[in-house]
Amino acid sequence: MKRELISSIKQKELQLSKLREHIDKSDVCSDLYNKVLIEKAILTKQLEDLQNRSLVSRIKHLLPRQEKLICDYFRGR
């Protein structure tokens, strides 16, 4: 999954570099450039979320989970 996202991001960057030359020439190219830019941003966010989730899940397994009991709420009173 991670490799697929990285390769898709690289493809979007290549498309953007080719479209960048033609932005001023037509409205269609400008719209296509904006569309590819948004798609690249979405893929980048998905990759970032994938990396963050793995880090968070590793940390959660290391830390002991403390469950609260009803009596814990009444101890301080």
Protein backbone atom coordinates (compact mmCIF):
# COMPACT_ATOMS: atom_id res chain seq x y z
CA MET A 1 0.00 0.00 0.00
CA LYS A 2 2.77 2.42 0.95
CA ARG A 3 4.74 1.73 -2.23
CA GLU A 4 1.64 2.19 -4.35
CA LEU A 5 0.99 5.59 -2.75
CA ILE A 6 4.59 6.69 -3.29
CA SER A 7 4.54 5.64 -6.95
CA SER A 8 1.20 7.41 -7.46
CA ILE A 9 2.59 10.59 -5.91
CA LYS A 10 5.60 10.43 -8.24
CA GLN A 11 3.30 10.01 -11.24
CA LYS A 12 1.27 13.04 -10.14
CA GLU A 13 4.47 15.09 -9.78
CA LEU A 14 5.47 14.10 -13.32
CA GLN A 15 2.05 15.08 -14.64
CA LEU A 16 2.26 18.40 -12.81
CA SER A 17 5.67 19.17 -14.27
CA LYS A 18 4.37 18.54 -17.79
CA LEU A 19 1.18 20.53 -17.25
CA ARG A 20 2.97 23.47 -15.61
CA GLU A 21 4.26 24.59 -19.02
CA HIS A 22 0.77 24.78 -20.50
CA ILE A 23 -1.21 26.39 -17.67
CA ASP A 24 -1.38 29.81 -19.31
CA LYS A 25 -2.20 28.45 -22.77
CA SER A 26 -5.65 27.02 -22.11
CA ASP A 27 -8.33 26.79 -19.46
CA VAL A 28 -8.54 23.01 -19.87
CA CYS A 29 -4.87 22.60 -18.97
CA SER A 30 -5.30 24.91 -16.02
CA ASP A 31 -8.28 22.93 -14.73
CA LEU A 32 -6.44 19.64 -15.27
CA TYR A 33 -3.41 21.01 -13.40
CA ASN A 34 -5.60 21.96 -10.45
CA LYS A 35 -7.28 18.55 -10.46
CA VAL A 36 -3.95 16.69 -10.47
CA LEU A 37 -2.66 18.99 -7.73
CA ILE A 38 -5.64 18.12 -5.52
CA GLU A 39 -5.22 14.40 -6.23
CA LYS A 40 -1.54 14.62 -5.25
CA ALA A 41 -2.46 16.39 -2.01
CA ILE A 42 -4.98 13.66 -1.19
CA LEU A 43 -2.41 10.92 -1.85
CA THR A 44 0.18 12.73 0.25
CA LYS A 45 -2.29 13.01 3.14
CA GLN A 46 -3.14 9.31 2.87
CA LEU A 47 0.55 8.41 3.01
CA GLU A 48 1.06 10.67 6.02
CA ASP A 49 -1.93 9.11 7.80
CA LEU A 50 -0.64 5.62 7.03
CA GLN A 51 2.73 6.43 8.56
CA ASN A 52 1.20 8.12 11.62
CA ARG A 53 -1.16 5.24 12.30
CA SER A 54 1.64 2.73 12.41
CA LEU A 55 3.61 4.88 14.86
CA VAL A 56 0.60 5.44 17.10
CA SER A 57 -0.32 1.76 17.11
CA ARG A 58 3.25 0.83 18.12
CA ILE A 59 3.17 3.25 21.04
CA LYS A 60 -0.25 2.07 22.22
CA HIS A 61 0.97 -1.52 22.47
CA LEU A 62 3.96 -0.49 24.58
CA LEU A 63 2.06 1.55 27.13
CA PRO A 64 -0.02 -0.34 29.70
CA ARG A 65 -3.67 0.51 29.57
CA GLN A 66 -5.15 1.72 32.81
CA GLU A 67 -8.82 1.03 33.11
CA LYS A 68 -10.88 3.28 35.33
CA LEU A 69 -13.26 1.72 37.74
CA ILE A 70 -16.31 3.40 39.22
CA CYS A 71 -14.67 3.42 42.65
CA ASP A 72 -11.74 5.45 41.22
CA TYR A 73 -14.08 8.42 40.75
CA PHE A 74 -15.10 8.40 44.43
CA ARG A 75 -11.67 7.97 46.04
CA GLY A 76 -10.79 11.64 46.14
CA ARG A 77 -13.99 12.70 47.93
